[in-house]
Amino acid sequence: ALTKEQMMFALDFRKPTLCFSDPGTGKTST
């Protein structure tokens, strides 16, 4: 299950995208 924030982030990576956050926040899944 992705959170609303993760869904919004993962919706469109058609431009260069960076993802930084703490361990265990769901970066890899997103």
All heavy atoms as atom14 arrays in JSON, in Angstrom:
{
  "sequence": "ALTKEQMMFALDFRKPTLCFSDPGTGKTST",
  "atom14_mask": [
    [1, 1, 1, 1, 1, 0, 0, 0, 0, 0, 0, 0, 0, 0],
    [1, 1, 1, 1, 1, 1, 1, 1, 0, 0, 0, 0, 0, 0],
    [1, 1, 1, 1, 1, 1, 1, 0, 0, 0, 0, 0, 0, 0],
    [1, 1, 1, 1, 1, 1, 1, 1, 1, 0, 0, 0, 0, 0],
    [1, 1, 1, 1, 1, 1, 1, 1, 1, 0, 0, 0, 0, 0],
    [1, 1, 1, 1, 1, 1, 1, 1, 1, 0, 0, 0, 0, 0],
    [1, 1, 1, 1, 1, 1, 1, 1, 0, 0, 0, 0, 0, 0],
    [1, 1, 1, 1, 1, 1, 1, 1, 0, 0, 0, 0, 0, 0],
    [1, 1, 1, 1, 1, 1, 1, 1, 1, 1, 1, 0, 0, 0],
    [1, 1, 1, 1, 1, 0, 0, 0, 0, 0, 0, 0, 0, 0],
    [1, 1, 1, 1, 1, 1, 1, 1, 0, 0, 0, 0, 0, 0],
    [1, 1, 1, 1, 1, 1, 1, 1, 0, 0, 0, 0, 0, 0],
    [1, 1, 1, 1, 1, 1, 1, 1, 1, 1, 1, 0, 0, 0],
    [1, 1, 1, 1, 1, 1, 1, 1, 1, 1, 1, 0, 0, 0],
    [1, 1, 1, 1, 1, 1, 1, 1, 1, 0, 0, 0, 0, 0],
    [1, 1, 1, 1, 1, 1, 1, 0, 0, 0, 0, 0, 0, 0],
    [1, 1, 1, 1, 1, 1, 1, 0, 0, 0, 0, 0, 0, 0],
    [1, 1, 1, 1, 1, 1, 1, 1, 0, 0, 0, 0, 0, 0],
    [1, 1, 1, 1, 1, 1, 0, 0, 0, 0, 0, 0, 0, 0],
    [1, 1, 1, 1, 1, 1, 1, 1, 1, 1, 1, 0, 0, 0],
    [1, 1, 1, 1, 1, 1, 0, 0, 0, 0, 0, 0, 0, 0],
    [1, 1, 1, 1, 1, 1, 1, 1, 0, 0, 0, 0, 0, 0],
    [1, 1, 1, 1, 1, 1, 1, 0, 0, 0, 0, 0, 0, 0],
    [1, 1, 1, 1, 0, 0, 0, 0, 0, 0, 0, 0, 0, 0],
    [1, 1, 1, 1, 1, 1, 1, 0, 0, 0, 0, 0, 0, 0],
    [1, 1, 1, 1, 0, 0, 0, 0, 0, 0, 0, 0, 0, 0],
    [1, 1, 1, 1, 1, 1, 1, 1, 1, 0, 0, 0, 0, 0],
    [1, 1, 1, 1, 1, 1, 1, 0, 0, 0, 0, 0, 0, 0],
    [1, 1, 1, 1, 1, 1, 0, 0, 0, 0, 0, 0, 0, 0],
    [1, 1, 1, 1, 1, 1, 1, 0, 0, 0, 0, 0, 0, 0]
  ],
  "atom14_positions": [
    [[0.85, -1.18, 0.0], [0.0, 0.0, 0.0], [0.89, 1.24, 0.0], [1.85, 1.32, 0.76], [-0.9, -0.01, 1.23], [0.0, 0.0, 0.0], [0.0, 0.0, 0.0], [0.0, 0.0, 0.0], [0.0, 0.0, 0.0], [0.0, 0.0, 0.0], [0.0, 0.0, 0.0], [0.0, 0.0, 0.0], [0.0, 0.0, 0.0], [0.0, 0.0, 0.0]],
    [[0.62, 2.16, -0.9], [1.36, 3.42, -0.94], [0.51, 4.51, -0.29], [-0.7, 4.55, -0.48], [1.69, 3.81, -2.39], [2.57, 2.85, -3.18], [2.73, 3.35, -4.61], [3.93, 2.67, -2.53], [0.0, 0.0, 0.0], [0.0, 0.0, 0.0], [0.0, 0.0, 0.0], [0.0, 0.0, 0.0], [0.0, 0.0, 0.0], [0.0, 0.0, 0.0]],
    [[1.17, 5.4, 0.45], [0.46, 6.52, 1.04], [0.06, 7.5, -0.06], [0.56, 7.42, -1.2], [1.33, 7.26, 2.07], [2.43, 7.88, 1.37], [1.84, 6.33, 3.16], [0.0, 0.0, 0.0], [0.0, 0.0, 0.0], [0.0, 0.0, 0.0], [0.0, 0.0, 0.0], [0.0, 0.0, 0.0], [0.0, 0.0, 0.0], [0.0, 0.0, 0.0]],
    [[-0.8, 8.44, 0.27], [-1.2, 9.46, -0.7], [0.02, 10.23, -1.21], [0.15, 10.49, -2.4], [-2.21, 10.42, -0.07], [-2.69, 11.49, -1.01], [-3.69, 12.42, -0.36], [-4.07, 13.52, -1.33], [-4.99, 14.47, -0.74], [0.0, 0.0, 0.0], [0.0, 0.0, 0.0], [0.0, 0.0, 0.0], [0.0, 0.0, 0.0], [0.0, 0.0, 0.0]],
    [[0.95, 10.56, -0.31], [2.16, 11.3, -0.7], [3.02, 10.46, -1.65], [3.56, 10.97, -2.63], [2.98, 11.7, 0.53], [2.31, 12.75, 1.39], [1.25, 12.18, 2.35], [1.14, 10.94, 2.48], [0.52, 12.99, 2.95], [0.0, 0.0, 0.0], [0.0, 0.0, 0.0], [0.0, 0.0, 0.0], [0.0, 0.0, 0.0], [0.0, 0.0, 0.0]],
    [[3.15, 9.17, -1.35], [3.92, 8.29, -2.22], [3.26, 8.16, -3.59], [3.93, 8.17, -4.62], [4.08, 6.91, -1.58], [4.99, 6.92, -0.38], [4.93, 5.62, 0.4], [3.88, 4.98, 0.5], [6.05, 5.23, 0.97], [0.0, 0.0, 0.0], [0.0, 0.0, 0.0], [0.0, 0.0, 0.0], [0.0, 0.0, 0.0], [0.0, 0.0, 0.0]],
    [[1.94, 8.05, -3.6], [1.2, 7.96, -4.87], [1.43, 9.22, -5.7], [1.71, 9.13, -6.9], [-0.3, 7.76, -4.62], [-0.68, 6.44, -4.0], [-0.66, 5.06, -5.14], [-2.19, 5.33, -6.03], [0.0, 0.0, 0.0], [0.0, 0.0, 0.0], [0.0, 0.0, 0.0], [0.0, 0.0, 0.0], [0.0, 0.0, 0.0], [0.0, 0.0, 0.0]],
    [[1.32, 10.38, -5.08], [1.51, 11.64, -5.8], [2.93, 11.74, -6.37], [3.13, 12.2, -7.48], [1.19, 12.84, -4.91], [-0.26, 12.89, -4.43], [-1.49, 12.76, -5.75], [-1.3, 14.34, -6.52], [0.0, 0.0, 0.0], [0.0, 0.0, 0.0], [0.0, 0.0, 0.0], [0.0, 0.0, 0.0], [0.0, 0.0, 0.0], [0.0, 0.0, 0.0]],
    [[3.9, 11.3, -5.59], [5.29, 11.34, -6.04], [5.54, 10.37, -7.2], [6.2, 10.72, -8.18], [6.23, 11.03, -4.87], [7.69, 11.12, -5.23], [8.29, 12.36, -5.36], [8.45, 9.99, -5.42], [9.64, 12.46, -5.69], [9.79, 10.08, -5.75], [10.38, 11.32, -5.89], [0.0, 0.0, 0.0], [0.0, 0.0, 0.0], [0.0, 0.0, 0.0]],
    [[4.99, 9.17, -7.11], [5.27, 8.13, -8.09], [4.44, 8.25, -9.36], [4.7, 7.54, -10.33], [5.03, 6.75, -7.46], [0.0, 0.0, 0.0], [0.0, 0.0, 0.0], [0.0, 0.0, 0.0], [0.0, 0.0, 0.0], [0.0, 0.0, 0.0], [0.0, 0.0, 0.0], [0.0, 0.0, 0.0], [0.0, 0.0, 0.0], [0.0, 0.0, 0.0]],
    [[3.47, 9.13, -9.4], [2.58, 9.24, -10.55], [3.29, 9.57, -11.85], [2.92, 9.06, -12.9], [1.49, 10.28, -10.31], [0.2, 9.75, -9.72], [-0.73, 10.9, -9.37], [-0.47, 8.75, -10.62], [0.0, 0.0, 0.0], [0.0, 0.0, 0.0], [0.0, 0.0, 0.0], [0.0, 0.0, 0.0], [0.0, 0.0, 0.0], [0.0, 0.0, 0.0]],
    [[4.31, 10.4, -11.8], [4.91, 10.83, -13.06], [6.39, 11.16, -12.89], [6.75, 12.22, -12.38], [4.16, 12.03, -13.61], [4.52, 12.32, -15.06], [5.45, 11.7, -15.6], [3.85, 13.18, -15.65], [0.0, 0.0, 0.0], [0.0, 0.0, 0.0], [0.0, 0.0, 0.0], [0.0, 0.0, 0.0], [0.0, 0.0, 0.0], [0.0, 0.0, 0.0]],
    [[7.24, 10.26, -13.31], [8.69, 10.44, -13.28], [9.23, 10.81, -14.66], [10.37, 10.53, -14.97], [9.37, 9.13, -12.85], [9.33, 8.81, -11.39], [8.57, 9.53, -10.49], [10.06, 7.74, -10.91], [8.54, 9.2, -9.15], [10.04, 7.39, -9.58], [9.28, 8.12, -8.69], [0.0, 0.0, 0.0], [0.0, 0.0, 0.0], [0.0, 0.0, 0.0]],
    [[8.44, 11.43, -15.52], [8.91, 11.71, -16.88], [9.95, 12.82, -16.95], [10.48, 13.09, -18.01], [7.74, 12.02, -17.8], [6.91, 10.77, -18.1], [5.77, 11.06, -19.01], [4.77, 11.85, -18.3], [3.7, 12.37, -18.87], [3.49, 12.2, -20.16], [2.84, 13.06, -18.16], [0.0, 0.0, 0.0], [0.0, 0.0, 0.0], [0.0, 0.0, 0.0]],
    [[10.25, 13.42, -15.83], [11.34, 14.39, -15.78], [12.34, 13.87, -14.75], [11.99, 13.03, -13.92], [10.83, 15.77, -15.41], [10.08, 15.83, -14.1], [9.43, 17.18, -13.91], [8.61, 17.27, -12.66], [7.48, 16.39, -12.6], [0.0, 0.0, 0.0], [0.0, 0.0, 0.0], [0.0, 0.0, 0.0], [0.0, 0.0, 0.0], [0.0, 0.0, 0.0]],
    [[13.6, 14.32, -14.78], [14.55, 13.84, -13.78], [13.98, 14.01, -12.38], [13.43, 15.04, -12.03], [15.78, 14.72, -14.0], [15.68, 15.12, -15.44], [14.2, 15.27, -15.71], [0.0, 0.0, 0.0], [0.0, 0.0, 0.0], [0.0, 0.0, 0.0], [0.0, 0.0, 0.0], [0.0, 0.0, 0.0], [0.0, 0.0, 0.0], [0.0, 0.0, 0.0]],
    [[14.09, 12.97, -11.58], [13.46, 12.93, -10.27], [14.46, 12.5, -9.22], [15.22, 11.56, -9.43], [12.28, 11.95, -10.29], [11.38, 12.34, -11.32], [11.54, 11.92, -8.98], [0.0, 0.0, 0.0], [0.0, 0.0, 0.0], [0.0, 0.0, 0.0], [0.0, 0.0, 0.0], [0.0, 0.0, 0.0], [0.0, 0.0, 0.0], [0.0, 0.0, 0.0]],
    [[14.46, 13.17, -8.09], [15.31, 12.81, -6.96], [14.44, 12.4, -5.78], [13.39, 13.0, -5.55], [16.19, 13.98, -6.53], [17.23, 14.47, -7.53], [17.9, 15.74, -7.02], [18.26, 13.4, -7.79], [0.0, 0.0, 0.0], [0.0, 0.0, 0.0], [0.0, 0.0, 0.0], [0.0, 0.0, 0.0], [0.0, 0.0, 0.0], [0.0, 0.0, 0.0]],
    [[14.9, 11.41, -5.05], [14.15, 10.94, -3.89], [15.11, 10.76, -2.72], [15.99, 9.92, -2.78], [13.46, 9.61, -4.22], [12.53, 8.91, -2.85], [0.0, 0.0, 0.0], [0.0, 0.0, 0.0], [0.0, 0.0, 0.0], [0.0, 0.0, 0.0], [0.0, 0.0, 0.0], [0.0, 0.0, 0.0], [0.0, 0.0, 0.0], [0.0, 0.0, 0.0]],
    [[14.96, 11.58, -1.69], [15.76, 11.49, -0.48], [14.82, 11.44, 0.71], [13.91, 12.25, 0.82], [16.67, 12.72, -0.3], [17.7, 12.88, -1.36], [17.48, 13.72, -2.44], [18.9, 12.21, -1.28], [18.43, 13.89, -3.42], [19.87, 12.37, -2.26], [19.64, 13.21, -3.33], [0.0, 0.0, 0.0], [0.0, 0.0, 0.0], [0.0, 0.0, 0.0]],
    [[15.02, 10.49, 1.6], [14.25, 10.46, 2.85], [14.89, 9.45, 3.8], [15.81, 8.71, 3.44], [12.78, 10.15, 2.62], [12.6, 8.9, 2.02], [0.0, 0.0, 0.0], [0.0, 0.0, 0.0], [0.0, 0.0, 0.0], [0.0, 0.0, 0.0], [0.0, 0.0, 0.0], [0.0, 0.0, 0.0], [0.0, 0.0, 0.0], [0.0, 0.0, 0.0]],
    [[14.39, 9.42, 5.0], [14.93, 8.56, 6.05], [14.7, 7.08, 5.75], [13.8, 6.74, 4.98], [14.29, 8.91, 7.39], [14.69, 10.3, 7.88], [15.8, 10.74, 7.56], [13.87, 10.93, 8.58], [0.0, 0.0, 0.0], [0.0, 0.0, 0.0], [0.0, 0.0, 0.0], [0.0, 0.0, 0.0], [0.0, 0.0, 0.0], [0.0, 0.0, 0.0]],
    [[15.46, 6.21, 6.42], [15.25, 4.76, 6.27], [13.83, 4.37, 6.7], [13.27, 4.95, 7.64], [16.28, 4.15, 7.21], [17.32, 5.2, 7.41], [16.6, 6.51, 7.29], [0.0, 0.0, 0.0], [0.0, 0.0, 0.0], [0.0, 0.0, 0.0], [0.0, 0.0, 0.0], [0.0, 0.0, 0.0], [0.0, 0.0, 0.0], [0.0, 0.0, 0.0]],
    [[13.27, 3.4, 5.98], [11.96, 2.87, 6.36], [10.77, 3.71, 5.96], [9.66, 3.46, 6.39], [0.0, 0.0, 0.0], [0.0, 0.0, 0.0], [0.0, 0.0, 0.0], [0.0, 0.0, 0.0], [0.0, 0.0, 0.0], [0.0, 0.0, 0.0], [0.0, 0.0, 0.0], [0.0, 0.0, 0.0], [0.0, 0.0, 0.0], [0.0, 0.0, 0.0]],
    [[10.99, 4.71, 5.09], [9.9, 5.59, 4.7], [9.19, 5.15, 3.42], [8.24, 5.8, 2.99], [10.41, 7.04, 4.52], [11.48, 7.02, 3.56], [10.89, 7.62, 5.83], [0.0, 0.0, 0.0], [0.0, 0.0, 0.0], [0.0, 0.0, 0.0], [0.0, 0.0, 0.0], [0.0, 0.0, 0.0], [0.0, 0.0, 0.0], [0.0, 0.0, 0.0]],
    [[9.67, 4.09, 2.79], [9.03, 3.6, 1.57], [9.64, 4.11, 0.29], [9.0, 4.05, -0.76], [0.0, 0.0, 0.0], [0.0, 0.0, 0.0], [0.0, 0.0, 0.0], [0.0, 0.0, 0.0], [0.0, 0.0, 0.0], [0.0, 0.0, 0.0], [0.0, 0.0, 0.0], [0.0, 0.0, 0.0], [0.0, 0.0, 0.0], [0.0, 0.0, 0.0]],
    [[10.88, 4.61, 0.35], [11.54, 5.12, -0.86], [11.6, 4.07, -1.96], [11.25, 4.34, -3.11], [12.98, 5.57, -0.56], [13.14, 6.79, 0.25], [14.61, 7.11, 0.47], [15.4, 6.03, 1.14], [15.05, 5.67, 2.5], [0.0, 0.0, 0.0], [0.0, 0.0, 0.0], [0.0, 0.0, 0.0], [0.0, 0.0, 0.0], [0.0, 0.0, 0.0]],
    [[12.05, 2.89, -1.61], [12.24, 1.85, -2.62], [10.92, 1.47, -3.27], [10.85, 1.41, -4.51], [12.93, 0.62, -2.0], [14.19, 1.02, -1.45], [13.17, -0.46, -3.04], [0.0, 0.0, 0.0], [0.0, 0.0, 0.0], [0.0, 0.0, 0.0], [0.0, 0.0, 0.0], [0.0, 0.0, 0.0], [0.0, 0.0, 0.0], [0.0, 0.0, 0.0]],
    [[9.9, 1.26, -2.5], [8.59, 0.91, -3.07], [8.08, 2.03, -3.97], [7.53, 1.78, -5.05], [7.57, 0.65, -1.96], [7.97, -0.43, -1.17], [0.0, 0.0, 0.0], [0.0, 0.0, 0.0], [0.0, 0.0, 0.0], [0.0, 0.0, 0.0], [0.0, 0.0, 0.0], [0.0, 0.0, 0.0], [0.0, 0.0, 0.0], [0.0, 0.0, 0.0]],
    [[8.26, 3.26, -3.53], [7.79, 4.41, -4.31], [8.57, 4.52, -5.61], [7.98, 4.74, -6.68], [7.92, 5.7, -3.48], [7.22, 5.53, -2.25], [7.35, 6.89, -4.22], [0.0, 0.0, 0.0], [0.0, 0.0, 0.0], [0.0, 0.0, 0.0], [0.0, 0.0, 0.0], [0.0, 0.0, 0.0], [0.0, 0.0, 0.0], [0.0, 0.0, 0.0]]
  ]
}
